[in-house]
Amino acid sequence: CGDTHGQYYDLLNIFELNGLPSESNPYIFNGDFVDRGSFSVEVILTLFGFKLLHPDHFHLLRGNHETDNMNQIYGFEGEVKAKYTAQMFALFSEVFEWLPLAQCINGKVLVRGHRLHPPTLSPSPRDVPTWGHGLAYQLPVGCGGLCGLRGVSVTPAFPQNGRSVSKRGVSCQFGPDVTKSFLERNRLDYIIRSHEVKPEGYEVAHDGKCVTVFSAPNYCDQMGNKGSYIHLRGSDLRPDFHQFTAVVSFGGHTHA
């Protein structure tokens, strides 16, 4: 699953469509759980609850919105303080720093966000506490710490070779040659990324080697996009895409 951004009823809809997490139904959520939506507290507490219930079969990766500066700007800090206390926000902030930045599945698929590329790269988790204590534990073998990872942890993918400044002006974008080089160097099949709205909820680019998944339908109540999640099938982890539309809440009742 990709971004959920505080869209609690859409998160519940994912579990309704795909089943609750369990040992036989594992999940990976690729960051950006909070901010922008009105129910970020409910989303993150639900996700943490499933992580506690199924620690080896429910995985949470850190997105760029699991950081203090983003939470101050885009609403999570204010929401936590309104519903709980400043101390509670400090606890969330500490937990976010322990979330891993990436996960490698069966040595074949790298699941990664896009923007947490710290200026100082180190394989030691405590050397970069601002960016996440857990970052070193789930990187692929041969990734060279974050140095290799950084080459594709930018946004968005685009069809031309090389790298250039992103149209959003906050990072850089990368072409199919960058993806191909990274995958070959690390003996991976393809990358799954998130954190970019797609009209259909997903996008397959770079000859199938760079997949984007976004799980917040009708993002910010105005984008009109579908959401999606991905099943990874078979020994080759073939991606199988499932689209869904937004769920709107009226007086405690939900309607598709």
Protein backbone atom coordinates (compact mmCIF):
# COMPACT_ATOMS: atom_id res chain seq x y z
CA CYS A 1 0.00 0.00 0.00
CA GLY A 2 1.09 3.55 -0.71
CA ASP A 3 0.15 6.83 0.96
CA THR A 4 -2.88 6.94 3.25
CA HIS A 5 -2.49 10.55 4.54
CA GLY A 6 -4.99 10.48 7.37
CA GLN A 7 -7.83 9.07 5.22
CA TYR A 8 -9.05 6.69 7.87
CA TYR A 9 -12.19 5.44 6.14
CA ASP A 10 -10.21 4.66 3.00
CA LEU A 11 -7.73 2.71 5.13
CA LEU A 12 -10.61 0.67 6.57
CA ASN A 13 -11.84 0.12 3.03
CA ILE A 14 -8.48 -1.41 2.08
CA PHE A 15 -8.86 -3.92 4.91
CA GLU A 16 -12.46 -4.56 3.87
CA LEU A 17 -11.40 -5.26 0.28
CA ASN A 18 -8.19 -7.15 0.94
CA GLY A 19 -8.77 -8.68 4.38
CA LEU A 20 -7.35 -7.87 7.77
CA PRO A 21 -3.60 -8.30 8.31
CA SER A 22 -2.53 -11.76 9.49
CA GLU A 23 0.33 -14.21 9.10
CA SER A 24 -1.26 -15.44 5.88
CA ASN A 25 -2.15 -11.91 4.69
CA PRO A 26 0.90 -9.69 5.29
CA TYR A 27 1.08 -5.99 4.44
CA ILE A 28 3.68 -3.33 3.70
CA PHE A 29 2.60 0.32 4.00
CA ASN A 30 5.04 2.58 2.18
CA GLY A 31 4.98 5.69 4.36
CA ASP A 32 3.03 8.97 4.47
CA PHE A 33 0.44 7.67 6.91
CA VAL A 34 -0.29 11.11 8.38
CA ASP A 35 -0.81 14.79 7.46
CA ARG A 36 -3.36 16.45 5.16
CA GLY A 37 -6.27 14.15 6.09
CA SER A 38 -8.43 14.79 9.16
CA PHE A 39 -7.95 11.40 10.80
CA SER A 40 -4.19 10.94 10.90
CA VAL A 41 -4.26 9.95 14.57
CA GLU A 42 -6.79 7.21 13.87
CA VAL A 43 -4.78 5.98 10.87
CA ILE A 44 -1.44 5.78 12.66
CA LEU A 45 -2.85 4.18 15.82
CA THR A 46 -4.60 1.55 13.69
CA LEU A 47 -1.37 0.81 11.81
CA PHE A 48 0.67 0.68 15.01
CA GLY A 49 -1.91 -1.67 16.51
CA PHE A 50 -1.54 -4.11 13.62
CA LYS A 51 2.25 -3.82 13.85
CA LEU A 52 2.07 -4.87 17.50
CA LEU A 53 -0.35 -7.68 16.69
CA HIS A 54 1.64 -9.06 13.73
CA PRO A 55 5.21 -7.73 14.08
CA ASP A 56 6.68 -10.09 11.48
CA HIS A 57 3.88 -9.78 8.93
CA PHE A 58 2.96 -6.09 9.05
CA HIS A 59 5.57 -3.57 7.91
CA LEU A 60 5.61 0.22 8.09
CA LEU A 61 8.16 2.25 6.14
CA ARG A 62 8.96 5.87 6.80
CA GLY A 63 7.78 8.50 4.33
CA ASN A 64 8.73 12.14 4.14
CA HIS A 65 5.61 13.01 6.18
CA GLU A 66 6.86 11.01 9.15
CA THR A 67 9.07 13.97 10.10
CA ASP A 68 8.63 16.87 12.48
CA ASN A 69 8.93 19.66 9.92
CA MET A 70 6.26 18.15 7.65
CA ASN A 71 3.98 17.40 10.61
CA GLN A 72 4.20 21.03 11.72
CA ILE A 73 3.21 22.31 8.29
CA TYR A 74 0.63 19.77 7.12
CA GLY A 75 -1.46 19.15 10.20
CA PHE A 76 -0.44 16.05 12.16
CA GLU A 77 1.20 17.93 15.03
CA GLY A 78 -1.85 20.17 15.49
CA GLU A 79 -4.22 17.20 15.27
CA VAL A 80 -2.31 15.23 17.91
CA LYS A 81 -2.16 18.20 20.27
CA ALA A 82 -5.89 18.85 19.80
CA LYS A 83 -6.87 15.22 20.42
CA TYR A 84 -4.18 14.40 22.98
CA THR A 85 -1.14 16.36 24.20
CA ALA A 86 2.22 17.75 23.10
CA GLN A 87 3.84 14.83 24.90
CA MET A 88 1.90 12.43 22.69
CA PHE A 89 3.24 14.16 19.58
CA ALA A 90 6.78 13.83 20.95
CA LEU A 91 6.19 10.09 21.32
CA PHE A 92 4.96 9.79 17.73
CA SER A 93 8.00 11.76 16.59
CA GLU A 94 10.34 9.37 18.38
CA VAL A 95 8.65 6.28 16.95
CA PHE A 96 8.81 7.72 13.42
CA GLU A 97 12.60 8.00 13.78
CA TRP A 98 12.81 4.23 14.25
CA LEU A 99 10.88 3.31 11.13
CA PRO A 100 12.96 1.82 8.28
CA LEU A 101 13.20 3.76 5.04
CA ALA A 102 13.01 0.76 2.71
CA GLN A 103 12.33 -2.93 2.54
CA CYS A 104 13.69 -5.54 0.16
CA ILE A 105 11.32 -8.43 -0.59
CA ASN A 106 12.91 -11.82 -1.34
CA GLY A 107 15.99 -10.11 -2.72
CA LYS A 108 13.96 -9.09 -5.78
CA VAL A 109 11.83 -6.00 -5.13
CA LEU A 110 12.82 -2.81 -3.34
CA VAL A 111 9.94 -0.92 -1.71
CA ARG A 112 10.99 2.67 -1.15
CA GLY A 113 9.56 6.13 -0.79
CA HIS A 114 11.16 9.06 -2.57
CA ARG A 115 12.41 11.97 -0.55
CA LEU A 116 14.30 10.91 2.56
CA HIS A 117 17.78 11.30 1.16
CA PRO A 118 19.95 12.70 3.99
CA PRO A 119 23.03 14.71 3.13
CA THR A 120 25.22 12.49 5.31
CA LEU A 121 24.95 8.84 4.28
CA SER A 122 25.98 6.09 6.66
CA PRO A 123 25.19 2.39 7.20
CA SER A 124 24.98 3.01 10.93
CA PRO A 125 21.38 3.65 12.04
CA ARG A 126 22.27 5.94 14.94
CA ASP A 127 24.51 8.16 12.82
CA VAL A 128 21.49 9.72 11.13
CA PRO A 129 18.82 9.91 13.85
CA THR A 130 16.99 12.79 12.19
CA TRP A 131 16.21 10.56 9.23
CA GLY A 132 15.26 7.32 10.95
CA HIS A 133 17.09 4.93 13.27
CA GLY A 134 15.73 1.91 11.41
CA LEU A 135 17.06 2.81 7.99
CA ALA A 136 19.94 0.33 7.82
CA TYR A 137 18.15 -2.84 8.78
CA GLN A 138 16.08 -3.61 5.70
CA LEU A 139 18.20 -2.38 2.81
CA PRO A 140 19.20 -4.84 0.08
CA VAL A 141 22.58 -6.54 0.21
CA GLY A 142 25.05 -4.71 -2.00
CA CYS A 143 23.19 -1.44 -1.71
CA GLY A 144 26.26 0.29 -0.29
CA GLY A 145 24.44 1.78 2.70
CA LEU A 146 22.23 4.57 1.46
CA CYS A 147 24.60 5.65 -1.29
CA GLY A 148 23.14 3.27 -3.87
CA LEU A 149 19.63 3.76 -2.55
CA ARG A 150 19.84 7.50 -2.86
CA GLY A 151 20.18 7.27 -6.64
CA VAL A 152 16.55 6.19 -7.03
CA SER A 153 14.97 7.67 -3.92
CA VAL A 154 13.93 10.83 -5.69
CA THR A 155 10.73 11.92 -7.38
CA PRO A 156 9.27 11.43 -9.87
CA ALA A 157 10.17 8.88 -12.51
CA PHE A 158 10.17 10.37 -16.01
CA PRO A 159 10.70 8.90 -19.50
CA GLN A 160 13.95 10.64 -20.49
CA ASN A 161 17.35 9.31 -19.45
CA GLY A 162 19.37 11.02 -16.75
CA ARG A 163 18.42 13.22 -13.83
CA SER A 164 16.99 16.72 -13.66
CA VAL A 165 15.28 19.07 -11.24
CA SER A 166 11.76 17.91 -10.39
CA LYS A 167 8.85 19.95 -11.69
CA ARG A 168 7.85 20.33 -8.03
CA GLY A 169 11.17 22.02 -7.35
CA VAL A 170 11.88 20.07 -4.17
CA SER A 171 14.09 17.23 -5.40
CA CYS A 172 15.16 15.64 -8.67
CA GLN A 173 13.58 13.28 -11.15
CA PHE A 174 15.23 10.26 -12.73
CA GLY A 175 15.01 8.40 -16.01
CA PRO A 176 14.92 4.73 -17.02
CA ASP A 177 18.72 4.54 -17.31
CA VAL A 178 19.06 5.44 -13.62
CA THR A 179 16.53 2.79 -12.66
CA LYS A 180 18.22 0.17 -14.86
CA SER A 181 21.67 0.91 -13.48
CA PHE A 182 20.49 0.76 -9.87
CA LEU A 183 18.65 -2.53 -10.36
CA GLU A 184 21.58 -4.16 -12.11
CA ARG A 185 24.05 -2.98 -9.49
CA ASN A 186 21.93 -4.39 -6.67
CA ARG A 187 20.61 -7.48 -8.48
CA LEU A 188 16.98 -6.42 -8.11
CA ASP A 189 14.02 -6.95 -10.46
CA TYR A 190 12.08 -3.72 -9.93
CA ILE A 191 11.26 -0.87 -7.54
CA ILE A 192 7.97 0.06 -5.88
CA ARG A 193 7.67 3.70 -4.83
CA SER A 194 4.84 5.95 -3.60
CA HIS A 195 4.23 9.59 -2.63
CA GLU A 196 3.02 10.79 -6.01
CA VAL A 197 -0.67 11.05 -6.90
CA LYS A 198 -1.66 8.97 -9.93
CA PRO A 199 -5.11 9.26 -11.55
CA GLU A 200 -5.52 5.47 -11.63
CA GLY A 201 -3.89 4.93 -8.24
CA TYR A 202 -0.75 3.44 -9.75
CA GLU A 203 1.66 3.78 -12.63
CA VAL A 204 4.12 1.38 -14.27
CA ALA A 205 7.13 3.12 -15.83
CA HIS A 206 10.64 2.42 -17.08
CA ASP A 207 9.76 -0.81 -18.93
CA GLY A 208 7.97 -2.17 -15.88
CA LYS A 209 10.94 -1.60 -13.58
CA CYS A 210 9.57 1.39 -11.63
CA VAL A 211 6.10 1.05 -10.10
CA THR A 212 4.26 3.81 -8.25
CA VAL A 213 1.40 2.96 -5.87
CA PHE A 214 -0.82 5.57 -4.18
CA SER A 215 -3.51 4.47 -1.71
CA ALA A 216 -5.30 7.75 -0.88
CA PRO A 217 -8.25 8.03 -3.32
CA ASN A 218 -9.68 11.48 -4.04
CA TYR A 219 -6.60 12.90 -2.36
CA CYS A 220 -7.30 15.99 -0.23
CA ASP A 221 -11.00 15.64 -1.18
CA GLN A 222 -10.32 17.28 -4.53
CA MET A 223 -8.02 15.28 -6.80
CA GLY A 224 -10.59 12.73 -7.99
CA ASN A 225 -7.94 10.01 -8.31
CA LYS A 226 -8.46 6.33 -7.63
CA GLY A 227 -6.47 4.54 -4.94
CA SER A 228 -4.73 1.23 -5.37
CA TYR A 229 -2.77 -1.48 -3.62
CA ILE A 230 -0.57 -4.21 -5.06
CA HIS A 231 -0.49 -7.97 -4.56
CA LEU A 232 2.89 -9.55 -5.27
CA ARG A 233 2.22 -12.91 -6.90
CA GLY A 234 4.29 -16.04 -7.44
CA SER A 235 7.99 -16.69 -7.12
CA ASP A 236 8.77 -13.77 -9.44
CA LEU A 237 6.65 -11.36 -7.32
CA ARG A 238 4.57 -10.24 -10.28
CA PRO A 239 2.63 -7.06 -9.36
CA ASP A 240 -1.16 -7.40 -9.44
CA PHE A 241 -2.93 -4.03 -9.13
CA HIS A 242 -6.23 -3.48 -7.30
CA GLN A 243 -8.00 -0.14 -7.68
CA PHE A 244 -10.64 1.35 -5.41
CA THR A 245 -12.57 4.60 -5.09
CA ALA A 246 -12.91 6.95 -2.14
CA VAL A 247 -15.17 6.26 0.82
CA VAL A 248 -17.00 9.32 2.14
CA SER A 249 -18.14 9.55 5.76
CA PHE A 250 -21.54 11.04 6.63
CA GLY A 251 -22.52 11.09 10.28
CA GLY A 252 -20.50 8.01 11.14
CA HIS A 253 -21.78 5.94 8.21
CA THR A 254 -19.61 5.16 5.22
CA HIS A 255 -20.66 5.10 1.60
CA ALA A 256 -18.58 4.09 -1.41
